Amino acid sequence: MAAPISVIIPTHDSARQLPRVLAPLVDGMGEGLIREVIVSDGGSADETLEIGDAAGCVLIRGEAGRAKQLIAGAACAKGKWLLFLYPQTALARGWTDEVRMFLQFSEARKRAATFKLAFDDKSAKSALFWARLRAKAMNMPRGDQGLLISRFLYDGLNGYRDMAHEDVEFARRIGAKRLMFLETEAVTSADAYRLAASPAVSIGMIARYFMGADPVELAKR
């Protein structure tokens, strides 16, 4: 049986980040979980494509724009499962064990899974706490937490849309009942989360979400 997972990584001048996201995937290749790793590039001018090629990745080139690149990567993927990862995100050791358990669930293909947010900056504890709380309370993980979804469900939901904050918008369509939060950490940069790290901002966002605010509009703010 062919390995079930196609990994899709959107890149743009990601030469410094790409080795970091690729390294933990070696375990998945060795254990027969990963069928292919697709680097969906948006016009890199650095050595991104050379690094991807040397690592044995499938390379596709297209128009810049993360949503466009995710869509293009999914379109050429051959696996029954799609794992979307940003180049700045590295899955923690042991990720294959939890993913394998998830795939064994009888209803797995009707579900999606995301990983537990973690930062590479250990001093950003406050930002991490509030970012995790927002994601769980609002059922709105960000794309840098990774997304594992069956081709069946991805196609059934018509996949990502070409728009800003496509990660939040897609998570909303997946819905809380179909989205599982795994315990394996997805280690990423804290920089994008620091501005929204205060308790007041986070609690305000959560309150507005439960009052019916659009998650995509909240993400923009």
Protein backbone atom coordinates (compact mmCIF):
# COMPACT_ATOMS: atom_id res chain seq x y z
CA MET A 1 0.00 0.00 0.00
CA ALA A 2 1.32 3.43 -0.95
CA ALA A 3 2.14 5.86 1.84
CA PRO A 4 -1.02 7.90 2.47
CA ILE A 5 0.19 11.46 3.11
CA SER A 6 1.17 14.21 0.69
CA VAL A 7 2.91 17.07 2.52
CA ILE A 8 2.41 20.51 0.96
CA ILE A 9 4.71 23.40 1.85
CA PRO A 10 4.13 26.89 0.36
CA THR A 11 7.43 28.70 -0.08
CA HIS A 12 8.73 32.08 -1.15
CA ASP A 13 12.39 32.86 -0.51
CA SER A 14 12.29 30.22 2.23
CA ALA A 15 15.84 28.87 1.93
CA ARG A 16 16.64 29.60 5.58
CA GLN A 17 13.43 28.00 6.84
CA LEU A 18 12.94 25.02 4.56
CA PRO A 19 15.53 22.66 6.13
CA ARG A 20 13.80 23.18 9.48
CA VAL A 21 10.39 22.02 8.29
CA LEU A 22 11.84 19.17 6.22
CA ALA A 23 14.00 17.59 8.95
CA PRO A 24 11.15 16.08 11.04
CA LEU A 25 9.52 14.70 7.89
CA VAL A 26 12.37 12.23 7.45
CA ASP A 27 10.75 10.09 10.16
CA GLY A 28 7.49 10.03 8.22
CA MET A 29 9.26 8.95 5.06
CA GLY A 30 11.14 6.21 6.87
CA GLU A 31 7.98 4.88 8.55
CA GLY A 32 6.00 4.80 5.33
CA LEU A 33 3.56 7.58 6.25
CA ILE A 34 4.64 10.18 3.70
CA ARG A 35 4.18 9.53 0.01
CA GLU A 36 5.61 12.82 -1.24
CA VAL A 37 6.65 16.27 -0.09
CA ILE A 38 5.49 19.04 -2.41
CA VAL A 39 7.20 22.42 -2.37
CA SER A 40 4.72 24.85 -3.91
CA ASP A 41 6.85 27.88 -4.71
CA GLY A 42 5.73 31.39 -5.47
CA GLY A 43 8.78 32.69 -7.30
CA SER A 44 11.70 32.35 -4.91
CA ALA A 45 14.88 34.20 -5.84
CA ASP A 46 17.05 32.41 -3.27
CA GLU A 47 18.05 28.74 -3.01
CA THR A 48 14.63 27.44 -1.93
CA LEU A 49 14.11 25.28 -5.00
CA GLU A 50 17.64 23.91 -4.92
CA ILE A 51 17.19 22.82 -1.31
CA GLY A 52 13.84 21.23 -2.07
CA ASP A 53 15.25 19.40 -5.06
CA ALA A 54 18.23 18.10 -3.10
CA ALA A 55 15.81 16.78 -0.44
CA GLY A 56 13.81 14.88 -3.07
CA CYS A 57 10.74 17.10 -2.94
CA VAL A 58 8.26 17.50 -5.78
CA LEU A 59 8.70 21.08 -7.02
CA ILE A 60 5.92 23.14 -8.52
CA ARG A 61 6.14 26.79 -9.48
CA GLY A 62 3.29 29.25 -9.69
CA GLU A 63 1.98 32.66 -8.85
CA ALA A 64 2.98 34.09 -5.48
CA GLY A 65 0.36 34.10 -2.75
CA ARG A 66 0.09 31.57 0.04
CA ALA A 67 -3.51 30.60 -0.71
CA LYS A 68 -2.73 30.14 -4.40
CA GLN A 69 0.28 28.00 -3.53
CA LEU A 70 -1.67 25.80 -1.10
CA ILE A 71 -4.37 25.29 -3.72
CA ALA A 72 -1.80 24.45 -6.41
CA GLY A 73 0.00 22.00 -4.13
CA ALA A 74 -3.21 20.18 -3.24
CA ALA A 75 -4.20 19.98 -6.91
CA CYS A 76 -1.14 17.91 -7.80
CA ALA A 77 -0.97 15.83 -4.61
CA LYS A 78 -1.39 12.07 -5.01
CA GLY A 79 -1.93 11.05 -1.39
CA LYS A 80 -5.24 10.20 0.25
CA TRP A 81 -4.28 12.59 3.04
CA LEU A 82 -2.94 16.13 2.79
CA LEU A 83 -0.65 17.67 5.39
CA PHE A 84 -0.23 21.42 4.96
CA LEU A 85 2.84 22.87 6.70
CA TYR A 86 4.35 26.35 6.60
CA PRO A 87 8.13 26.50 6.08
CA GLN A 88 8.64 28.16 9.49
CA THR A 89 6.92 25.26 11.30
CA ALA A 90 8.70 22.14 12.53
CA LEU A 91 6.76 19.19 13.94
CA ALA A 92 8.05 17.88 17.26
CA ARG A 93 9.60 14.45 17.72
CA GLY A 94 7.03 11.65 17.89
CA TRP A 95 4.57 13.27 15.50
CA THR A 96 4.33 10.11 13.42
CA ASP A 97 2.97 8.07 16.33
CA GLU A 98 0.07 10.44 16.98
CA VAL A 99 -0.71 10.89 13.30
CA ARG A 100 -0.74 7.14 12.79
CA MET A 101 -3.22 6.78 15.67
CA PHE A 102 -5.41 9.51 14.17
CA LEU A 103 -5.46 7.82 10.77
CA GLN A 104 -6.65 4.60 12.37
CA PHE A 105 -9.89 6.17 13.63
CA SER A 106 -12.89 4.72 11.82
CA GLU A 107 -14.21 8.20 11.02
CA ALA A 108 -10.81 9.76 10.35
CA ARG A 109 -11.45 10.64 6.72
CA LYS A 110 -14.40 12.77 7.81
CA ARG A 111 -12.21 14.70 10.25
CA ALA A 112 -9.21 17.00 10.16
CA ALA A 113 -6.44 17.50 12.71
CA THR A 114 -4.12 20.30 13.71
CA PHE A 115 -1.09 20.31 15.99
CA LYS A 116 -0.44 22.06 19.30
CA LEU A 117 1.08 25.50 18.85
CA ALA A 118 4.57 26.02 20.28
CA PHE A 119 7.16 28.77 19.86
CA ASP A 120 10.87 28.56 19.21
CA ASP A 121 11.29 31.48 21.65
CA LYS A 122 10.90 30.07 25.16
CA SER A 123 10.57 33.57 26.63
CA ALA A 124 7.27 34.21 24.82
CA LYS A 125 5.21 32.31 27.40
CA SER A 126 2.44 34.88 27.65
CA ALA A 127 2.00 35.11 23.89
CA LEU A 128 1.89 31.32 23.66
CA PHE A 129 -0.72 30.96 26.42
CA TRP A 130 -3.13 33.42 24.82
CA ALA A 131 -2.53 32.15 21.30
CA ARG A 132 -3.35 28.60 22.40
CA LEU A 133 -6.41 29.78 24.31
CA ARG A 134 -7.75 31.71 21.32
CA ALA A 135 -7.23 28.76 18.97
CA LYS A 136 -9.00 26.26 21.26
CA ALA A 137 -11.80 28.55 22.46
CA MET A 138 -12.62 29.78 18.97
CA ASN A 139 -11.80 26.47 17.24
CA MET A 140 -9.70 28.52 14.87
CA PRO A 141 -6.12 27.24 14.62
CA ARG A 142 -3.76 29.22 12.44
CA GLY A 143 -2.01 27.71 9.46
CA ASP A 144 1.36 27.56 11.18
CA GLN A 145 -0.10 24.87 13.47
CA GLY A 146 -0.31 22.60 10.42
CA LEU A 147 -3.41 20.94 9.02
CA LEU A 148 -3.91 17.23 8.31
CA ILE A 149 -7.04 16.52 6.26
CA SER A 150 -8.23 13.68 4.06
CA ARG A 151 -8.55 14.25 0.33
CA PHE A 152 -12.18 13.15 0.76
CA LEU A 153 -12.98 15.97 3.20
CA TYR A 154 -10.74 18.54 1.47
CA ASP A 155 -12.51 18.06 -1.85
CA GLY A 156 -15.90 17.87 -0.17
CA LEU A 157 -15.30 21.34 1.31
CA ASN A 158 -13.79 22.63 -1.97
CA GLY A 159 -10.47 23.22 -0.28
CA TYR A 160 -8.78 26.52 0.41
CA ARG A 161 -10.12 29.71 -1.10
CA ASP A 162 -7.88 32.28 -2.78
CA MET A 163 -8.19 35.01 -0.17
CA ALA A 164 -6.39 36.59 2.76
CA HIS A 165 -6.44 34.56 6.01
CA GLU A 166 -7.33 31.47 4.05
CA ASP A 167 -6.25 29.31 7.00
CA VAL A 168 -8.82 30.79 9.40
CA GLU A 169 -11.55 30.75 6.76
CA PHE A 170 -10.93 27.08 5.94
CA ALA A 171 -10.88 26.12 9.62
CA ARG A 172 -14.27 27.79 9.99
CA ARG A 173 -15.70 25.65 7.17
CA ILE A 174 -14.19 22.48 8.62
CA GLY A 175 -15.99 23.29 11.86
CA ALA A 176 -15.37 22.44 15.49
CA LYS A 177 -17.04 19.01 15.34
CA ARG A 178 -14.71 17.82 12.57
CA LEU A 179 -11.47 19.35 13.86
CA MET A 180 -9.22 17.54 16.34
CA PHE A 181 -6.40 19.23 18.25
CA LEU A 182 -3.43 16.87 18.55
CA GLU A 183 -0.90 17.00 21.39
CA THR A 184 2.19 16.97 19.17
CA GLU A 185 3.73 20.43 19.05
CA ALA A 186 4.13 22.46 15.88
CA VAL A 187 7.06 24.73 16.71
CA THR A 188 6.94 28.08 14.94
CA SER A 189 8.04 31.70 15.32
CA ALA A 190 6.41 33.80 18.03
CA ASP A 191 6.81 37.04 16.07
CA ALA A 192 3.37 36.99 14.40
CA TYR A 193 1.64 36.45 17.75
CA ARG A 194 3.30 39.06 19.97
CA LEU A 195 1.03 41.94 18.94
CA ALA A 196 -2.07 40.02 20.03
CA ALA A 197 -0.55 38.62 23.20
CA SER A 198 -2.30 40.76 25.80
CA PRO A 199 -5.12 39.28 27.88
CA ALA A 200 -7.44 42.15 27.00
CA VAL A 201 -7.02 41.66 23.25
CA SER A 202 -7.36 37.89 23.45
CA ILE A 203 -10.40 37.88 25.73
CA GLY A 204 -11.98 40.54 23.58
CA MET A 205 -11.50 38.45 20.44
CA ILE A 206 -12.94 35.36 22.11
CA ALA A 207 -15.95 37.30 23.41
CA ARG A 208 -16.66 38.81 20.01
CA TYR A 209 -16.36 35.37 18.40
CA PHE A 210 -19.03 33.93 20.68
CA MET A 211 -21.22 36.97 19.98
CA GLY A 212 -21.14 36.07 16.29
CA ALA A 213 -18.20 38.03 14.87
CA ASP A 214 -16.66 36.71 11.65
CA PRO A 215 -13.40 34.85 12.50
CA VAL A 216 -11.78 36.08 9.30
CA GLU A 217 -12.51 39.69 10.24
CA LEU A 218 -11.11 39.04 13.71
CA ALA A 219 -7.96 37.59 12.15
CA LYS A 220 -7.51 40.72 10.03
CA ARG A 221 -7.55 42.85 13.15
